[in-house]
PDB file of all heavy atoms in Angstrom:
ATOM      1  N   ASP A   1      48.113 100.478 121.843  1.00  0.00           N
ATOM      2  CA  ASP A   1      47.522 100.056 120.569  1.00  0.00           C
ATOM      3  C   ASP A   1      45.993 100.108 120.570  1.00  0.00           C
ATOM      4  O   ASP A   1      45.359  99.658 119.621  1.00  0.00           O
ATOM      5  CB  ASP A   1      47.961  98.632 120.229  1.00  0.00           C
ATOM      6  CG  ASP A   1      49.445  98.557 119.910  1.00  0.00           C
ATOM      7  OD1 ASP A   1      50.001  99.562 119.459  1.00  0.00           O
ATOM      8  OD2 ASP A   1      50.052  97.494 120.142  1.00  0.00           O
ATOM      9  N   TYR A   2      45.403 100.661 121.630  1.00  0.00           N
ATOM     10  CA  TYR A   2      43.944 100.656 121.775  1.00  0.00           C
ATOM     11  C   TYR A   2      43.424 102.063 122.034  1.00  0.00           C
ATOM     12  O   TYR A   2      44.137 102.914 122.589  1.00  0.00           O
ATOM     13  CB  TYR A   2      43.518  99.768 122.960  1.00  0.00           C
ATOM     14  CG  TYR A   2      43.903  98.326 122.820  1.00  0.00           C
ATOM     15  CD1 TYR A   2      45.161  97.878 123.221  1.00  0.00           C
ATOM     16  CD2 TYR A   2      43.013  97.394 122.293  1.00  0.00           C
ATOM     17  CE1 TYR A   2      45.530  96.550 123.102  1.00  0.00           C
ATOM     18  CE2 TYR A   2      43.368  96.060 122.174  1.00  0.00           C
ATOM     19  CZ  TYR A   2      44.625  95.645 122.571  1.00  0.00           C
ATOM     20  OH  TYR A   2      44.984  94.333 122.460  1.00  0.00           O
ATOM     21  N   ASP A   3      42.168 102.300 121.675  1.00  0.00           N
ATOM     22  CA  ASP A   3      41.474 103.500 122.134  1.00  0.00           C
ATOM     23  C   ASP A   3      41.095 103.259 123.590  1.00  0.00           C
ATOM     24  O   ASP A   3      40.306 102.357 123.903  1.00  0.00           O
ATOM     25  CB  ASP A   3      40.225 103.755 121.284  1.00  0.00           C
ATOM     26  CG  ASP A   3      40.576 104.190 119.868  1.00  0.00           C
ATOM     27  OD1 ASP A   3      41.666 104.757 119.675  1.00  0.00           O
ATOM     28  OD2 ASP A   3      39.768 103.934 118.955  1.00  0.00           O
ATOM     29  N   THR A   4      41.667 104.049 124.482  1.00  0.00           N
ATOM     30  CA  THR A   4      41.526 103.835 125.917  1.00  0.00           C
ATOM     31  C   THR A   4      40.883 105.045 126.575  1.00  0.00           C
ATOM     32  O   THR A   4      41.283 106.186 126.324  1.00  0.00           O
ATOM     33  CB  THR A   4      42.900 103.568 126.563  1.00  0.00           C
ATOM     34  OG1 THR A   4      43.498 102.419 125.950  1.00  0.00           O
ATOM     35  CG2 THR A   4      42.769 103.335 128.053  1.00  0.00           C
ATOM     36  N   THR A   5      39.891 104.796 127.422  1.00  0.00           N
ATOM     37  CA  THR A   5      39.228 105.846 128.187  1.00  0.00           C
ATOM     38  C   THR A   5      39.568 105.661 129.657  1.00  0.00           C
ATOM     39  O   THR A   5      39.485 104.548 130.185  1.00  0.00           O
ATOM     40  CB  THR A   5      37.706 105.796 128.004  1.00  0.00           C
ATOM     41  OG1 THR A   5      37.393 105.861 126.604  1.00  0.00           O
ATOM     42  CG2 THR A   5      37.034 106.940 128.729  1.00  0.00           C
ATOM     43  N   VAL A   6      39.956 106.750 130.327  1.00  0.00           N
ATOM     44  CA  VAL A   6      40.309 106.707 131.740  1.00  0.00           C
ATOM     45  C   VAL A   6      39.302 107.540 132.535  1.00  0.00           C
ATOM     46  O   VAL A   6      39.090 108.716 132.240  1.00  0.00           O
ATOM     47  CB  VAL A   6      41.743 107.234 131.973  1.00  0.00           C
ATOM     48  CG1 VAL A   6      42.074 107.235 133.467  1.00  0.00           C
ATOM     49  CG2 VAL A   6      42.757 106.394 131.200  1.00  0.00           C
ATOM     50  N   HIS A   7      38.680 106.905 133.526  1.00  0.00           N
ATOM     51  CA  HIS A   7      37.735 107.592 134.414  1.00  0.00           C
ATOM     52  C   HIS A   7      38.343 107.669 135.817  1.00  0.00           C
ATOM     53  O   HIS A   7      38.864 106.667 136.319  1.00  0.00           O
ATOM     54  CB  HIS A   7      36.407 106.834 134.505  1.00  0.00           C
ATOM     55  CG  HIS A   7      35.750 106.566 133.187  1.00  0.00           C
ATOM     56  ND1 HIS A   7      34.962 107.487 132.545  1.00  0.00           N
ATOM     57  CD2 HIS A   7      35.763 105.461 132.394  1.00  0.00           C
ATOM     58  CE1 HIS A   7      34.503 106.970 131.413  1.00  0.00           C
ATOM     59  NE2 HIS A   7      34.982 105.736 131.296  1.00  0.00           N
ATOM     60  N   PHE A   8      38.243 108.812 136.453  1.00  0.00           N
ATOM     61  CA  PHE A   8      38.684 108.960 137.840  1.00  0.00           C
ATOM     62  C   PHE A   8      37.446 108.976 138.738  1.00  0.00           C
ATOM     63  O   PHE A   8      36.526 109.776 138.525  1.00  0.00           O
ATOM     64  CB  PHE A   8      39.514 110.229 138.013  1.00  0.00           C
ATOM     65  CG  PHE A   8      40.832 110.159 137.299  1.00  0.00           C
ATOM     66  CD1 PHE A   8      40.997 110.775 136.054  1.00  0.00           C
ATOM     67  CD2 PHE A   8      41.884 109.448 137.840  1.00  0.00           C
ATOM     68  CE1 PHE A   8      42.201 110.694 135.379  1.00  0.00           C
ATOM     69  CE2 PHE A   8      43.099 109.362 137.165  1.00  0.00           C
ATOM     70  CZ  PHE A   8      43.258 109.979 135.937  1.00  0.00           C
ATOM     71  N   ILE A   9      37.421 108.084 139.715  1.00  0.00           N
ATOM     72  CA  ILE A   9      36.246 107.912 140.555  1.00  0.00           C
ATOM     73  C   ILE A   9      36.667 107.835 142.027  1.00  0.00           C
ATOM     74  O   ILE A   9      37.848 107.728 142.343  1.00  0.00           O
ATOM     75  CB  ILE A   9      35.455 106.635 140.178  1.00  0.00           C
ATOM     76  CG1 ILE A   9      36.338 105.398 140.347  1.00  0.00           C
ATOM     77  CG2 ILE A   9      34.923 106.726 138.756  1.00  0.00           C
ATOM     78  CD1 ILE A   9      35.595 104.077 140.102  1.00  0.00           C
ATOM     79  N   THR A  10      35.670 107.872 142.917  1.00  0.00           N
ATOM     80  CA  THR A  10      35.937 107.791 144.355  1.00  0.00           C
ATOM     81  C   THR A  10      36.053 106.325 144.790  1.00  0.00           C
ATOM     82  O   THR A  10      35.623 105.404 144.082  1.00  0.00           O
ATOM     83  CB  THR A  10      34.811 108.448 145.151  1.00  0.00           C
ATOM     84  OG1 THR A  10      33.599 107.686 144.945  1.00  0.00           O
ATOM     85  CG2 THR A  10      34.582 109.890 144.701  1.00  0.00           C
ATOM     86  N   GLU A  11      36.623 106.141 145.977  1.00  0.00           N
ATOM     87  CA  GLU A  11      36.711 104.789 146.537  1.00  0.00           C
ATOM     88  C   GLU A  11      35.325 104.176 146.725  1.00  0.00           C
ATOM     89  O   GLU A  11      35.128 102.977 146.504  1.00  0.00           O
ATOM     90  CB  GLU A  11      37.453 104.824 147.872  1.00  0.00           C
ATOM     91  CG  GLU A  11      38.946 105.019 147.742  1.00  0.00           C
ATOM     92  CD  GLU A  11      39.663 104.841 149.069  1.00  0.00           C
ATOM     93  OE1 GLU A  11      39.964 103.686 149.432  1.00  0.00           O
ATOM     94  OE2 GLU A  11      39.917 105.863 149.734  1.00  0.00           O
ATOM     95  N   GLN A  12      34.363 104.994 147.123  1.00  0.00           N
ATOM     96  CA  GLN A  12      33.023 104.479 147.348  1.00  0.00           C
ATOM     97  C   GLN A  12      32.389 104.015 146.039  1.00  0.00           C
ATOM     98  O   GLN A  12      31.765 102.940 145.975  1.00  0.00           O
ATOM     99  CB  GLN A  12      32.140 105.550 148.000  1.00  0.00           C
ATOM    100  CG  GLN A  12      30.769 105.028 148.439  1.00  0.00           C
ATOM    101  CD  GLN A  12      30.876 103.913 149.455  1.00  0.00           C
ATOM    102  OE1 GLN A  12      31.539 104.056 150.485  1.00  0.00           O
ATOM    103  NE2 GLN A  12      30.236 102.781 149.177  1.00  0.00           N
ATOM    104  N   GLU A  13      32.570 104.794 144.987  1.00  0.00           N
ATOM    105  CA  GLU A  13      32.027 104.393 143.687  1.00  0.00           C
ATOM    106  C   GLU A  13      32.697 103.117 143.194  1.00  0.00           C
ATOM    107  O   GLU A  13      32.051 102.238 142.618  1.00  0.00           O
ATOM    108  CB  GLU A  13      32.224 105.520 142.669  1.00  0.00           C
ATOM    109  CG  GLU A  13      31.571 105.239 141.314  1.00  0.00           C
ATOM    110  CD  GLU A  13      31.740 106.380 140.330  1.00  0.00           C
ATOM    111  OE1 GLU A  13      32.209 107.462 140.745  1.00  0.00           O
ATOM    112  OE2 GLU A  13      31.420 106.177 139.130  1.00  0.00           O
ATOM    113  N   PHE A  14      33.988 103.016 143.431  1.00  0.00           N
ATOM    114  CA  PHE A  14      34.713 101.808 143.030  1.00  0.00           C
ATOM    115  C   PHE A  14      34.145 100.590 143.761  1.00  0.00           C
ATOM    116  O   PHE A  14      33.886  99.540 143.162  1.00  0.00           O
ATOM    117  CB  PHE A  14      36.203 101.962 143.344  1.00  0.00           C
ATOM    118  CG  PHE A  14      37.066 100.877 142.761  1.00  0.00           C
ATOM    119  CD1 PHE A  14      37.637 101.028 141.512  1.00  0.00           C
ATOM    120  CD2 PHE A  14      37.307  99.701 143.456  1.00  0.00           C
ATOM    121  CE1 PHE A  14      38.434 100.031 140.959  1.00  0.00           C
ATOM    122  CE2 PHE A  14      38.089  98.701 142.919  1.00  0.00           C
ATOM    123  CZ  PHE A  14      38.661  98.863 141.667  1.00  0.00           C
ATOM    124  N   ALA A  15      33.941 100.731 145.066  1.00  0.00           N
ATOM    125  CA  ALA A  15      33.410  99.621 145.870  1.00  0.00           C
ATOM    126  C   ALA A  15      31.993  99.255 145.439  1.00  0.00           C
ATOM    127  O   ALA A  15      31.636  98.070 145.388  1.00  0.00           O
ATOM    128  CB  ALA A  15      33.432  99.991 147.348  1.00  0.00           C
ATOM    129  N   ASN A  16      31.185 100.263 145.094  1.00  0.00           N
ATOM    130  CA  ASN A  16      29.785 100.013 144.738  1.00  0.00           C
ATOM    131  C   ASN A  16      29.630  99.372 143.362  1.00  0.00           C
ATOM    132  O   ASN A  16      28.759  98.517 143.160  1.00  0.00           O
ATOM    133  CB  ASN A  16      28.995 101.322 144.763  1.00  0.00           C
ATOM    134  CG  ASN A  16      28.810 101.872 146.161  1.00  0.00           C
ATOM    135  OD1 ASN A  16      29.004 101.162 147.148  1.00  0.00           O
ATOM    136  ND2 ASN A  16      28.453 103.140 146.257  1.00  0.00           N
ATOM    137  N   ASN A  17      30.488  99.775 142.408  1.00  0.00           N
ATOM    138  CA  ASN A  17      30.239  99.419 141.011  1.00  0.00           C
ATOM    139  C   ASN A  17      31.289  98.542 140.346  1.00  0.00           C
ATOM    140  O   ASN A  17      31.062  98.081 139.220  1.00  0.00           O
ATOM    141  CB  ASN A  17      30.104 100.713 140.183  1.00  0.00           C
ATOM    142  CG  ASN A  17      28.976 101.591 140.664  1.00  0.00           C
ATOM    143  OD1 ASN A  17      27.957 101.093 141.149  1.00  0.00           O
ATOM    144  ND2 ASN A  17      29.152 102.891 140.546  1.00  0.00           N
ATOM    145  N   HIS A  18      32.412  98.290 141.008  1.00  0.00           N
ATOM    146  CA  HIS A  18      33.493  97.602 140.315  1.00  0.00           C
ATOM    147  C   HIS A  18      34.097  96.468 141.152  1.00  0.00           C
ATOM    148  O   HIS A  18      35.298  96.208 141.089  1.00  0.00           O
ATOM    149  CB  HIS A  18      34.575  98.613 139.898  1.00  0.00           C
ATOM    150  CG  HIS A  18      34.056  99.690 139.009  1.00  0.00           C
ATOM    151  ND1 HIS A  18      33.785  99.492 137.670  1.00  0.00           N
ATOM    152  CD2 HIS A  18      33.696 100.972 139.286  1.00  0.00           C
ATOM    153  CE1 HIS A  18      33.311 100.611 137.151  1.00  0.00           C
ATOM    154  NE2 HIS A  18      33.247 101.524 138.112  1.00  0.00           N
ATOM    155  N   GLY A  19      33.248  95.776 141.877  1.00  0.00           N
ATOM    156  CA  GLY A  19      33.739  94.687 142.723  1.00  0.00           C
ATOM    157  C   GLY A  19      33.667  93.319 142.072  1.00  0.00           C
ATOM    158  O   GLY A  19      34.188  92.341 142.608  1.00  0.00           O
ATOM    159  N   GLY A  20      33.030  93.212 140.914  1.00  0.00           N
ATOM    160  CA  GLY A  20      32.808  91.908 140.301  1.00  0.00           C
ATOM    161  C   GLY A  20      33.973  91.433 139.459  1.00  0.00           C
ATOM    162  O   GLY A  20      34.960  92.141 139.232  1.00  0.00           O
ATOM    163  N   MET A  21      33.846  90.175 138.954  1.00  0.00           N
ATOM    164  CA  MET A  21      34.889  89.554 138.133  1.00  0.00           C
ATOM    165  C   MET A  21      34.284  89.018 136.842  1.00  0.00           C
ATOM    166  O   MET A  21      34.631  87.947 136.366  1.00  0.00           O
ATOM    167  CB  MET A  21      35.547  88.415 138.916  1.00  0.00           C
ATOM    168  CG  MET A  21      36.256  88.851 140.179  1.00  0.00           C
ATOM    169  SD  MET A  21      37.782  89.757 139.839  1.00  0.00           S
ATOM    170  CE  MET A  21      38.836  88.421 139.337  1.00  0.00           C
ATOM    171  N   ALA A  22      33.341  89.770 136.276  1.00  0.00           N
ATOM    172  CA  ALA A  22      32.671  89.326 135.051  1.00  0.00           C
ATOM    173  C   ALA A  22      33.637  89.350 133.867  1.00  0.00           C
ATOM    174  O   ALA A  22      34.579  90.145 133.823  1.00  0.00           O
ATOM    175  CB  ALA A  22      31.469  90.215 134.762  1.00  0.00           C
ATOM    176  N   HIS A  23      33.396  88.453 132.914  1.00  0.00           N
ATOM    177  CA  HIS A  23      34.191  88.449 131.680  1.00  0.00           C
ATOM    178  C   HIS A  23      33.428  87.634 130.640  1.00  0.00           C
ATOM    179  O   HIS A  23      32.272  87.268 130.827  1.00  0.00           O
ATOM    180  CB  HIS A  23      35.592  87.881 131.908  1.00  0.00           C
ATOM    181  CG  HIS A  23      36.641  88.561 131.077  1.00  0.00           C
ATOM    182  ND1 HIS A  23      36.409  89.012 129.796  1.00  0.00           N
ATOM    183  CD2 HIS A  23      37.932  88.861 131.338  1.00  0.00           C
ATOM    184  CE1 HIS A  23      37.513  89.568 129.317  1.00  0.00           C
ATOM    185  NE2 HIS A  23      38.455  89.495 130.230  1.00  0.00           N
ATOM    186  N   GLY A  24      34.089  87.356 129.529  1.00  0.00           N
ATOM    187  CA  GLY A  24      33.466  86.600 128.458  1.00  0.00           C
ATOM    188  C   GLY A  24      34.112  86.938 127.138  1.00  0.00           C
ATOM    189  O   GLY A  24      35.206  87.516 127.085  1.00  0.00           O
ATOM    190  N   GLY A  25      33.439  86.563 126.058  1.00  0.00           N
ATOM    191  CA  GLY A  25      33.983  86.869 124.750  1.00  0.00           C
ATOM    192  C   GLY A  25      33.351  86.045 123.655  1.00  0.00           C
ATOM    193  O   GLY A  25      32.351  85.329 123.885  1.00  0.00           O
ATOM    194  N   PHE A  26      33.933  86.139 122.464  1.00  0.00           N
ATOM    195  CA  PHE A  26      33.380  85.509 121.272  1.00  0.00           C
ATOM    196  C   PHE A  26      34.500  84.894 120.446  1.00  0.00           C
ATOM    197  O   PHE A  26      35.576  85.482 120.313  1.00  0.00           O
ATOM    198  CB  PHE A  26      32.662  86.542 120.391  1.00  0.00           C
ATOM    199  CG  PHE A  26      31.625  87.368 121.096  1.00  0.00           C
ATOM    200  CD1 PHE A  26      31.990  88.486 121.842  1.00  0.00           C
ATOM    201  CD2 PHE A  26      30.277  87.039 120.999  1.00  0.00           C
ATOM    202  CE1 PHE A  26      31.038  89.255 122.476  1.00  0.00           C
ATOM    203  CE2 PHE A  26      29.322  87.802 121.633  1.00  0.00           C
ATOM    204  CZ  PHE A  26      29.694  88.907 122.372  1.00  0.00           C
ATOM    205  N   VAL A  27      34.225  83.724 119.867  1.00  0.00           N
ATOM    206  CA  VAL A  27      35.106  83.137 118.857  1.00  0.00           C
ATOM    207  C   VAL A  27      34.285  82.939 117.589  1.00  0.00           C
ATOM    208  O   VAL A  27      33.174  82.388 117.640  1.00  0.00           O
ATOM    209  CB  VAL A  27      35.678  81.783 119.314  1.00  0.00           C
ATOM    210  CG1 VAL A  27      36.455  81.117 118.179  1.00  0.00           C
ATOM    211  CG2 VAL A  27      36.595  81.978 120.506  1.00  0.00           C
ATOM    212  N   PHE A  28      34.827  83.389 116.465  1.00  0.00           N
ATOM    213  CA  PHE A  28      34.160  83.248 115.171  1.00  0.00           C
ATOM    214  C   PHE A  28      35.072  82.502 114.200  1.00  0.00           C
ATOM    215  O   PHE A  28      36.299  82.637 114.237  1.00  0.00           O
ATOM    216  CB  PHE A  28      33.866  84.612 114.546  1.00  0.00           C
ATOM    217  CG  PHE A  28      32.899  85.473 115.301  1.00  0.00           C
ATOM    218  CD1 PHE A  28      33.354  86.341 116.276  1.00  0.00           C
ATOM    219  CD2 PHE A  28      31.538  85.434 115.017  1.00  0.00           C
ATOM    220  CE1 PHE A  28      32.473  87.167 116.965  1.00  0.00           C
ATOM    221  CE2 PHE A  28      30.647  86.255 115.697  1.00  0.00           C
ATOM    222  CZ  PHE A  28      31.118  87.117 116.668  1.00  0.00           C
ATOM    223  N   ARG A  29      34.456  81.734 113.310  1.00  0.00           N
ATOM    224  CA  ARG A  29      35.111  81.259 112.100  1.00  0.00           C
ATOM    225  C   ARG A  29      34.190  81.617 110.951  1.00  0.00           C
ATOM    226  O   ARG A  29      33.039  81.157 110.898  1.00  0.00           O
ATOM    227  CB  ARG A  29      35.343  79.748 112.146  1.00  0.00           C
ATOM    228  CG  ARG A  29      35.983  79.160 110.876  1.00  0.00           C
ATOM    229  CD  ARG A  29      37.444  79.480 110.778  1.00  0.00           C
ATOM    230  NE  ARG A  29      38.085  78.778 109.659  1.00  0.00           N
ATOM    231  CZ  ARG A  29      39.344  78.977 109.284  1.00  0.00           C
ATOM    232  NH1 ARG A  29      40.104  79.832 109.950  1.00  0.00           N
ATOM    233  NH2 ARG A  29      39.861  78.331 108.256  1.00  0.00           N
ATOM    234  N   SER A  30      34.655  82.480 110.084  1.00  0.00           N
ATOM    235  CA  SER A  30      33.871  82.902 108.931  1.00  0.00           C
ATOM    236  C   SER A  30      34.494  82.256 107.700  1.00  0.00           C
ATOM    237  O   SER A  30      35.672  82.473 107.410  1.00  0.00           O
ATOM    238  CB  SER A  30      33.914  84.428 108.817  1.00  0.00           C
ATOM    239  OG  SER A  30      33.216  84.873 107.681  1.00  0.00           O
ATOM    240  N   GLY A  31      33.717  81.423 107.005  1.00  0.00           N
ATOM    241  CA  GLY A  31      34.285  80.697 105.877  1.00  0.00           C
ATOM    242  C   GLY A  31      33.276  80.442 104.785  1.00  0.00           C
ATOM    243  O   GLY A  31      32.129  80.889 104.846  1.00  0.00           O
ATOM    244  N   SER A  32      33.708  79.701 103.770  1.00  0.00           N
ATOM    245  CA  SER A  32      32.844  79.452 102.620  1.00  0.00           C
ATOM    246  C   SER A  32      33.011  78.026 102.127  1.00  0.00           C
ATOM    247  O   SER A  32      34.037  77.379 102.343  1.00  0.00           O
ATOM    248  CB  SER A  32      33.165  80.434 101.486  1.00  0.00           C
ATOM    249  OG  SER A  32      34.522  80.323 101.101  1.00  0.00           O
ATOM    250  N   THR A  33      31.967  77.535 101.460  1.00  0.00           N
ATOM    251  CA  THR A  33      31.993  76.237 100.787  1.00  0.00           C
ATOM    252  C   THR A  33      31.428  76.428  99.372  1.00  0.00           C
ATOM    253  O   THR A  33      30.934  77.498  99.030  1.00  0.00           O
ATOM    254  CB  THR A  33      31.160  75.184 101.544  1.00  0.00           C
ATOM    255  OG1 THR A  33      29.791  75.630 101.609  1.00  0.00           O
ATOM    256  CG2 THR A  33      31.685  74.955 102.948  1.00  0.00           C
ATOM    257  N   GLY A  34      31.471  75.342  98.602  1.00  0.00           N
ATOM    258  CA  GLY A  34      30.987  75.416  97.213  1.00  0.00           C
ATOM    259  C   GLY A  34      32.161  75.460  96.261  1.00  0.00           C
ATOM    260  O   GLY A  34      33.267  75.892  96.609  1.00  0.00           O
TER     261      GLY A  34
END
């Protein structure tokens, strides 16, 4: 259900650039009064 991109990389590149556990996000409530 998503636009997905697949990259093929070496083990060394994986170790150098993809070892972290970063995350996050956003919650919104958009509303009106009056």
